[in-house]
């Protein structure tokens, strides 16, 4: 008989699986970063830096303020523990997971090597880039592009060297050996991935079953679509087979979540056998849009009633919530979204807009959010906080921040306000 859970119970299971029932440490070490990665499995990378780049945020959300240089040392400057690959979008993942992704590398090899592809017409450039990496070791695109043979073509306006490196990264001939600033350094895969890991072969059904198992553990409770999206596996038949295998093995338990429906019918879901159901979740956190809690928009809407759209590419006058608004978690609810900008020249965290979500309890949530905003400012080394009047939550957050007295709080006028 299938167990039935309430929507709040499902949210608490999901948040516990993501580490939001754990107390934040007084001091964050590399061990804590590894623990979070053990729960998430991957850390999505994004270049938008209006407040903090996305891959820094999930660790802040779960651990609180930490030294960003610690992440740089553990993830960016070396590949001892983690390597970059398309394990969701571009992500950091454990380096020992490299063999699990052979099927995706082979997919790209086949797709990018068809007769009409850029790669097929630029075999000389691809071979030359590999020879350069073999002879010179890890290199940035700028280190080698000046001498590259020119076989003209365009793809996102990248030049031939960058195109070649990205192609070879997707197919697994090249790996990311680290970053300088935010610029990738590329190397041959054998220069990055240990030989014992590089030589492992995992059959496709076994790889997808293992990834489904991990997605279930990281999700706590999930639908088939949720499990497929976690590692962006398009083969739904393989996902269904994996779910059946894991259910037969007792690792997944079929459940029905009240309110999780499709066309008026219960949506099949599964709970990981080891997933905890806490009595309550007492977390408060700013989430990046690329946090696993909310990165799959269907799940965010279904589980948290969060209808989210990134508005970076929306004209400013048509944005509803702001350039890059961050969902805000309080307890087991997404209660608000805030559009943040770090004005480093003025040492100020700008709250450019702030909005309540339908499930908010403003009278009690505002204080928790204000505390997270003050912490976010301190984490980024900003001395002041400035709140615009744009948004239904803006006034309440300004009052709470002002009442805290631990930061200089001011008001500023958003362009949307002045145009009103």
Protein backbone atom coordinates (compact mmCIF):
# COMPACT_ATOMS: atom_id res chain seq x y z
CA UNK A 1 0.00 0.00 0.00
CA UNK A 2 1.36 3.42 -0.99
CA UNK A 3 2.05 5.80 1.89
CA UNK A 4 0.36 9.21 1.83
CA UNK A 5 2.18 12.34 2.93
CA UNK A 6 1.07 15.93 3.28
CA UNK A 7 2.71 18.67 1.24
CA UNK A 8 4.46 20.12 4.34
CA UNK A 9 5.82 16.68 5.20
CA UNK A 10 7.20 16.34 1.67
CA UNK A 11 8.87 19.74 1.93
CA UNK A 12 10.51 18.82 5.23
CA UNK A 13 11.80 15.55 3.77
CA UNK A 14 13.24 17.41 0.77
CA UNK A 15 14.88 20.08 2.90
CA UNK A 16 16.33 17.55 5.33
CA UNK A 17 17.87 15.64 2.42
CA UNK A 18 19.49 18.92 1.32
CA UNK A 19 20.99 19.57 4.75
CA UNK A 20 18.66 22.29 6.05
CA UNK A 21 17.98 20.58 9.36
CA UNK A 22 21.64 20.75 10.39
CA UNK A 23 22.96 23.54 12.58
CA UNK A 24 25.40 25.92 10.94
CA UNK A 25 28.94 25.50 12.28
CA UNK A 26 30.61 28.25 14.27
CA UNK A 27 33.60 28.04 11.93
CA UNK A 28 33.52 26.57 8.43
CA UNK A 29 36.33 24.28 7.29
CA UNK A 30 36.99 22.29 4.11
CA UNK A 31 35.36 19.31 5.84
CA UNK A 32 32.06 21.17 5.96
CA UNK A 33 32.27 21.95 2.23
CA UNK A 34 32.85 18.27 1.48
CA UNK A 35 29.87 17.32 3.67
CA UNK A 36 27.56 19.67 1.78
CA UNK A 37 28.84 18.32 -1.54
CA UNK A 38 28.17 14.81 -0.30
CA UNK A 39 24.52 15.76 0.08
CA UNK A 40 24.16 17.80 -3.10
CA UNK A 41 26.28 15.66 -5.41
CA UNK A 42 26.92 18.61 -7.73
CA UNK A 43 27.40 22.36 -7.44
CA UNK A 44 26.10 24.34 -10.41
CA UNK A 45 28.42 27.03 -11.76
CA UNK A 46 27.13 30.37 -13.00
CA UNK A 47 28.98 33.52 -14.03
CA UNK A 48 26.47 36.15 -12.85
CA UNK A 49 28.23 38.12 -10.14
CA UNK A 50 25.79 40.90 -9.24
CA UNK A 51 25.77 39.66 -5.63
CA UNK A 52 27.77 36.42 -5.46
CA UNK A 53 28.35 33.78 -8.12
CA UNK A 54 25.90 30.94 -7.85
CA UNK A 55 28.32 28.20 -6.83
CA UNK A 56 29.23 30.10 -3.67
CA UNK A 57 25.61 30.40 -2.58
CA UNK A 58 24.46 26.84 -1.69
CA UNK A 59 27.32 26.56 0.81
CA UNK A 60 26.39 29.92 2.34
CA UNK A 61 22.73 28.87 2.47
CA UNK A 62 23.57 25.76 4.47
CA UNK A 63 26.71 26.71 6.41
CA UNK A 64 26.34 30.45 6.91
CA UNK A 65 29.20 32.90 6.43
CA UNK A 66 32.45 31.28 5.28
CA UNK A 67 35.59 32.47 3.59
CA UNK A 68 34.98 32.34 -0.20
CA UNK A 69 38.72 31.76 -0.61
CA UNK A 70 38.14 28.36 0.99
CA UNK A 71 35.87 27.38 -1.88
CA UNK A 72 38.42 28.75 -4.33
CA UNK A 73 41.12 26.52 -2.83
CA UNK A 74 38.96 23.40 -2.67
CA UNK A 75 37.13 23.70 -6.00
CA UNK A 76 38.76 26.21 -8.35
CA UNK A 77 42.51 26.11 -7.89
CA UNK A 78 43.00 22.35 -7.94
CA UNK A 79 41.18 19.18 -8.96
CA UNK A 80 42.12 16.83 -6.13
CA UNK A 81 38.52 16.32 -5.03
CA UNK A 82 36.30 17.87 -7.71
CA UNK A 83 36.24 18.39 -11.43
CA UNK A 84 33.92 20.27 -13.76
CA UNK A 85 31.52 18.59 -16.11
CA UNK A 86 27.95 18.76 -17.40
CA UNK A 87 26.49 16.73 -14.57
CA UNK A 88 23.44 19.01 -14.53
CA UNK A 89 24.45 22.15 -16.35
CA UNK A 90 28.13 23.05 -15.88
CA UNK A 91 28.86 21.86 -12.36
CA UNK A 92 31.55 20.85 -9.94
CA UNK A 93 31.29 17.13 -9.19
CA UNK A 94 33.44 14.60 -7.30
CA UNK A 95 36.35 13.58 -9.49
CA UNK A 96 35.67 9.91 -8.78
CA UNK A 97 32.33 10.32 -10.60
CA UNK A 98 34.11 10.81 -13.95
CA UNK A 99 33.36 7.23 -15.13
CA UNK A 100 29.62 7.68 -14.51
CA UNK A 101 29.47 10.22 -17.30
CA UNK A 102 30.98 8.18 -20.11
CA UNK A 103 27.51 7.87 -21.68
CA UNK A 104 27.13 11.65 -21.81
CA UNK A 105 30.60 12.14 -23.24
CA UNK A 106 29.83 9.59 -25.92
CA UNK A 107 26.55 11.36 -26.67
CA UNK A 108 28.46 14.60 -27.27
CA UNK A 109 31.12 12.81 -29.29
CA UNK A 110 28.47 11.45 -31.62
CA UNK A 111 26.44 14.67 -31.75
CA UNK A 112 29.38 17.02 -32.27
CA UNK A 113 31.19 14.85 -34.80
CA UNK A 114 28.50 14.55 -37.46
CA UNK A 115 29.58 15.62 -40.96
CA UNK A 116 27.85 19.01 -40.71
CA UNK A 117 29.27 19.94 -37.31
CA UNK A 118 31.91 22.54 -36.53
CA UNK A 119 34.21 19.77 -35.29
CA UNK A 120 34.09 17.87 -38.56
CA UNK A 121 35.28 20.93 -40.44
CA UNK A 122 37.96 21.82 -37.91
CA UNK A 123 39.78 18.56 -37.25
CA UNK A 124 43.15 20.30 -37.70
CA UNK A 125 42.37 22.84 -34.96
CA UNK A 126 41.18 20.10 -32.58
CA UNK A 127 44.34 18.08 -33.12
CA UNK A 128 46.55 21.17 -32.74
CA UNK A 129 44.92 22.16 -29.43
CA UNK A 130 45.40 18.64 -28.05
CA UNK A 131 49.04 18.68 -29.14
CA UNK A 132 49.57 22.02 -27.37
CA UNK A 133 48.07 20.69 -24.14
CA UNK A 134 50.11 17.53 -24.40
CA UNK A 135 53.32 19.45 -24.88
CA UNK A 136 52.72 22.39 -22.52
CA UNK A 137 50.35 21.10 -19.85
CA UNK A 138 47.30 22.98 -18.51
CA UNK A 139 46.56 26.21 -20.39
CA UNK A 140 44.01 29.00 -20.54
CA UNK A 141 42.47 29.73 -23.94
CA UNK A 142 44.42 33.00 -24.01
CA UNK A 143 47.67 31.05 -23.59
CA UNK A 144 47.25 29.26 -26.89
CA UNK A 145 44.80 31.17 -29.08
CA UNK A 146 47.36 33.61 -30.50
CA UNK A 147 49.19 30.89 -32.40
CA UNK A 148 46.13 28.82 -33.32
CA UNK A 149 45.64 27.83 -36.96
CA UNK A 150 42.70 29.80 -38.31
CA UNK A 151 39.84 27.86 -39.86
CA UNK A 152 37.09 30.46 -39.76
CA UNK A 153 33.68 29.78 -38.31
CA UNK A 154 31.40 31.10 -35.60
CA UNK A 155 29.61 29.65 -32.59
CA UNK A 156 28.51 32.11 -29.90
CA UNK A 157 31.28 34.41 -31.23
CA UNK A 158 33.97 32.22 -29.68
CA UNK A 159 37.16 31.85 -31.61
CA UNK A 160 38.43 28.51 -32.84
CA UNK A 161 40.57 27.72 -29.79
CA UNK A 162 37.68 28.21 -27.37
CA UNK A 163 35.39 26.18 -29.62
CA UNK A 164 37.93 23.38 -29.76
CA UNK A 165 38.46 23.33 -26.00
CA UNK A 166 34.73 23.29 -25.28
CA UNK A 167 34.18 20.49 -27.81
CA UNK A 168 37.00 18.43 -26.32
CA UNK A 169 35.70 19.08 -22.79
CA UNK A 170 32.26 17.78 -23.69
CA UNK A 171 33.68 14.65 -25.26
CA UNK A 172 36.01 14.04 -22.33
CA UNK A 173 39.30 14.36 -24.20
CA UNK A 174 39.97 17.50 -22.16
CA UNK A 175 39.15 18.32 -18.54
CA UNK A 176 39.13 21.54 -16.52
CA UNK A 177 42.23 21.58 -14.33
CA UNK A 178 41.25 24.69 -12.37
CA UNK A 179 40.41 28.35 -12.76
CA UNK A 180 42.35 31.58 -12.58
CA UNK A 181 39.85 34.12 -11.38
CA UNK A 182 36.81 32.82 -13.20
CA UNK A 183 38.69 31.76 -16.35
CA UNK A 184 39.00 28.05 -16.92
CA UNK A 185 42.31 26.28 -17.36
CA UNK A 186 42.14 23.25 -19.67
CA UNK A 187 44.27 20.12 -19.78
CA UNK A 188 44.14 16.69 -21.34
CA UNK A 189 41.88 14.43 -19.29
CA UNK A 190 44.80 12.19 -18.36
CA UNK A 191 46.57 15.25 -16.90
CA UNK A 192 43.65 15.85 -14.52
CA UNK A 193 41.81 12.62 -13.78
CA UNK A 194 43.80 9.86 -12.01
CA UNK A 195 44.54 6.91 -14.27
CA UNK A 196 42.64 4.45 -12.08
CA UNK A 197 39.49 6.58 -12.37
CA UNK A 198 39.99 7.42 -16.04
CA UNK A 199 40.20 3.76 -17.02
CA UNK A 200 37.01 2.67 -15.26
CA UNK A 201 34.12 1.66 -17.49
CA UNK A 202 30.53 1.66 -16.24
CA UNK A 203 27.73 0.29 -18.40
CA UNK A 204 25.07 2.86 -19.28
CA UNK A 205 22.21 1.16 -17.36
CA UNK A 206 24.42 0.88 -14.28
CA UNK A 207 25.49 4.53 -14.53
CA UNK A 208 21.92 5.81 -14.87
CA UNK A 209 20.74 3.59 -12.01
CA UNK A 210 23.50 4.98 -9.77
CA UNK A 211 22.68 8.56 -10.76
CA UNK A 212 18.99 7.92 -10.09
CA UNK A 213 19.90 6.51 -6.69
CA UNK A 214 21.95 9.62 -5.89
CA UNK A 215 19.25 11.96 -7.15
CA UNK A 216 16.74 10.21 -4.89
CA UNK A 217 19.04 10.48 -1.89
CA UNK A 218 19.70 14.19 -2.54
CA UNK A 219 16.02 14.92 -3.19
CA UNK A 220 14.60 12.90 -0.30
CA UNK A 221 11.27 12.66 -2.08
CA UNK A 222 10.76 13.05 -5.80
CA UNK A 223 8.76 12.32 -8.92
CA UNK A 224 10.28 10.63 -11.95
CA UNK A 225 10.68 14.06 -13.57
CA UNK A 226 12.46 15.36 -10.48
CA UNK A 227 14.88 12.44 -10.55
CA UNK A 228 15.53 12.85 -14.27
CA UNK A 229 16.19 16.57 -13.97
CA UNK A 230 18.65 16.32 -11.07
CA UNK A 231 21.35 15.05 -13.43
CA UNK A 232 19.55 16.11 -16.63
CA UNK A 233 18.99 12.59 -17.90
CA UNK A 234 16.79 12.74 -20.99
CA UNK A 235 16.19 9.00 -21.35
CA UNK A 236 12.95 8.68 -19.37
CA UNK A 237 12.72 4.97 -20.14
CA UNK A 238 16.09 4.45 -18.44
CA UNK A 239 14.89 6.51 -15.47
CA UNK A 240 11.72 4.41 -15.20
CA UNK A 241 13.75 1.20 -15.31
CA UNK A 242 16.11 2.54 -12.65
CA UNK A 243 13.22 3.55 -10.40
CA UNK A 244 11.69 0.09 -10.75
CA UNK A 245 15.02 -1.59 -9.93
CA UNK A 246 15.62 0.63 -6.90
CA UNK A 247 12.04 0.11 -5.69
CA UNK A 248 12.41 -3.65 -6.00
CA UNK A 249 15.65 -3.40 -4.00
CA UNK A 250 13.87 -1.47 -1.25
CA UNK A 251 15.90 1.71 -1.78
CA UNK A 252 12.90 3.70 -3.01
CA UNK A 253 9.43 3.65 -1.45
CA UNK A 254 6.36 4.68 -3.50
CA UNK A 255 4.42 7.54 -1.89
CA UNK A 256 1.53 9.84 -2.66
CA UNK A 257 1.89 13.50 -1.71
CA UNK A 258 -1.34 15.42 -1.25
CA UNK A 259 -1.45 18.19 -3.82
CA UNK A 260 1.14 16.61 -6.12
CA UNK A 261 -1.16 15.98 -9.05
CA UNK A 262 -1.23 15.96 -12.82
CA UNK A 263 -4.48 16.50 -14.67
CA UNK A 264 -6.40 15.86 -11.47
CA UNK A 265 -4.68 12.53 -10.75
CA UNK A 266 -2.08 11.74 -8.07
CA UNK A 267 1.46 12.15 -9.39
CA UNK A 268 3.58 9.06 -8.62
CA UNK A 269 6.45 9.86 -6.27
CA UNK A 270 9.13 8.00 -4.37
CA UNK A 271 10.81 8.56 -1.04
CA UNK A 272 14.37 7.44 -0.49
CA UNK A 273 14.31 4.66 2.11
CA UNK A 274 16.80 6.50 4.31
CA UNK A 275 15.19 9.93 3.99
CA UNK A 276 14.28 11.50 7.32
CA UNK A 277 10.97 13.18 8.06
CA UNK A 278 11.79 15.86 10.64
CA UNK A 279 9.08 17.27 12.85
CA UNK A 280 10.06 20.76 11.79
CA UNK A 281 12.61 22.68 9.75
CA UNK A 282 13.94 25.82 11.43
CA UNK A 283 16.19 27.06 8.63
CA UNK A 284 16.38 30.53 7.15
CA UNK A 285 18.38 30.93 3.96
CA UNK A 286 18.87 32.93 0.80
CA UNK A 287 18.84 30.53 -2.15
CA UNK A 288 20.42 30.92 -5.54
CA UNK A 289 18.02 30.15 -8.43
CA UNK A 290 20.42 27.28 -9.19
CA UNK A 291 20.16 25.64 -5.77
CA UNK A 292 18.93 22.03 -6.09
CA UNK A 293 15.99 22.92 -3.85
CA UNK A 294 14.52 25.16 -6.58
CA UNK A 295 16.52 24.65 -9.79
CA UNK A 296 13.81 22.44 -11.37
CA UNK A 297 10.99 24.93 -11.85
CA UNK A 298 8.24 22.29 -11.98
CA UNK A 299 9.33 20.93 -8.61
CA UNK A 300 9.72 24.41 -7.11
CA UNK A 301 6.14 25.23 -8.07
CA UNK A 302 4.75 21.87 -6.97
CA UNK A 303 6.60 21.54 -3.68
CA UNK A 304 7.09 25.17 -2.61
CA UNK A 305 4.45 27.10 -4.56
CA UNK A 306 7.31 29.11 -6.09
CA UNK A 307 6.62 30.23 -9.64
CA UNK A 308 10.11 31.37 -10.63
CA UNK A 309 11.52 32.94 -13.75
CA UNK A 310 14.99 34.40 -14.10
CA UNK A 311 14.56 37.95 -15.38
CA UNK A 312 18.12 38.76 -16.44
CA UNK A 313 17.09 38.76 -20.08
CA UNK A 314 13.76 40.53 -19.50
CA UNK A 315 13.80 44.28 -20.32
CA UNK A 316 14.16 46.26 -17.08
CA UNK A 317 10.77 47.95 -17.42
CA UNK A 318 9.03 44.56 -17.76
CA UNK A 319 10.63 42.79 -14.79
CA UNK A 320 8.21 41.75 -12.06
CA UNK A 321 10.71 41.00 -9.29
CA UNK A 322 14.13 42.23 -10.38
CA UNK A 323 17.25 41.34 -12.33
CA UNK A 324 18.33 38.26 -10.35
CA UNK A 325 15.99 37.68 -7.42
CA UNK A 326 16.89 35.07 -4.82
CA UNK A 327 14.21 32.86 -3.25
CA UNK A 328 14.17 33.07 0.55
CA UNK A 329 13.54 30.02 2.72
CA UNK A 330 12.11 30.33 6.23
CA UNK A 331 11.22 27.08 7.96
CA UNK A 332 9.88 24.76 5.29
CA UNK A 333 8.41 27.58 3.15
CA UNK A 334 9.71 29.80 0.36
CA UNK A 335 8.36 33.05 1.79
CA UNK A 336 9.93 35.82 -0.30
CA UNK A 337 12.33 36.75 -3.04
CA UNK A 338 14.94 39.49 -2.86
CA UNK A 339 16.98 41.05 -5.66
CA UNK A 340 20.44 41.74 -4.24
CA UNK A 341 23.39 43.70 -5.58
CA UNK A 342 26.80 44.11 -3.98
CA UNK A 343 27.91 47.70 -4.49
CA UNK A 344 31.53 47.11 -3.54
CA UNK A 345 32.68 50.66 -4.20
CA UNK A 346 30.23 51.89 -1.56
CA UNK A 347 30.62 48.76 0.61
CA UNK A 348 26.84 48.34 0.47
CA UNK A 349 24.48 45.43 0.01
CA UNK A 350 21.61 46.83 -2.03
CA UNK A 351 18.24 45.16 -1.61
CA UNK A 352 16.93 46.31 -4.96
CA UNK A 353 13.52 44.75 -4.48
CA UNK A 354 11.81 42.47 -1.98
CA UNK A 355 8.56 40.59 -2.43
CA UNK A 356 6.40 38.36 -0.27
CA UNK A 357 5.36 34.99 -1.63
CA UNK A 358 1.77 33.74 -1.06
CA UNK A 359 2.87 31.39 1.74
CA UNK A 360 4.65 34.13 3.70
CA UNK A 361 3.81 35.11 7.27
CA UNK A 362 5.17 38.66 7.16
CA UNK A 363 4.84 39.41 10.86
CA UNK A 364 7.17 36.55 11.80
CA UNK A 365 9.23 36.06 8.63
CA UNK A 366 10.59 39.60 8.25
CA UNK A 367 12.90 39.32 11.25
CA UNK A 368 14.42 36.04 10.01
CA UNK A 369 15.00 37.45 6.53
CA UNK A 370 16.56 40.63 7.91
CA UNK A 371 19.02 38.51 9.88
CA UNK A 372 20.00 36.61 6.72
CA UNK A 373 20.47 39.86 4.79
CA UNK A 374 22.72 41.25 7.53
CA UNK A 375 24.68 37.99 7.48
CA UNK A 376 24.93 38.13 3.68
CA UNK A 377 26.35 41.64 3.83
CA UNK A 378 28.95 40.59 6.41
CA UNK A 379 29.81 37.48 4.37
CA UNK A 380 30.56 39.65 1.35
CA UNK A 381 32.54 42.15 3.45
CA UNK A 382 29.97 44.93 3.01
CA UNK A 383 29.50 47.45 5.80
CA UNK A 384 26.09 48.86 4.88
CA UNK A 385 22.67 47.70 3.71
CA UNK A 386 20.38 49.82 1.56
CA UNK A 387 16.76 48.85 0.85
CA UNK A 388 14.68 50.27 -1.99
CA UNK A 389 10.94 50.73 -1.68
CA UNK A 390 10.17 48.45 -4.63
CA UNK A 391 8.25 45.36 -3.59
CA UNK A 392 5.65 44.23 -1.10
CA UNK A 393 8.26 43.15 1.49
CA UNK A 394 10.63 46.12 1.18
CA UNK A 395 9.25 48.30 3.98
CA UNK A 396 9.06 45.45 6.49
CA UNK A 397 12.61 44.36 5.77
CA UNK A 398 13.92 47.91 6.10
CA UNK A 399 12.25 48.28 9.50
CA UNK A 400 13.67 44.99 10.75
CA UNK A 401 17.16 45.74 9.47
CA UNK A 402 17.05 49.18 11.06
CA UNK A 403 15.88 47.69 14.35
CA UNK A 404 18.80 45.25 14.43
CA UNK A 405 21.33 48.05 14.82
CA UNK A 406 24.25 45.90 13.67
CA UNK A 407 24.71 47.55 10.28
CA UNK A 408 24.25 50.96 8.72
CA UNK A 409 20.84 50.76 7.03
CA UNK A 410 19.62 53.32 4.49
CA UNK A 411 16.93 53.64 1.83
CA UNK A 412 17.49 54.15 -1.87
CA UNK A 413 15.08 54.71 -4.73
CA UNK A 414 14.87 52.02 -7.40
CA UNK A 415 14.38 53.15 -10.98
CA UNK A 416 11.04 51.36 -11.01
CA UNK A 417 9.88 53.51 -8.08
CA UNK A 418 10.97 56.79 -9.63
CA UNK A 419 9.19 55.87 -12.86
CA UNK A 420 5.94 55.07 -11.05
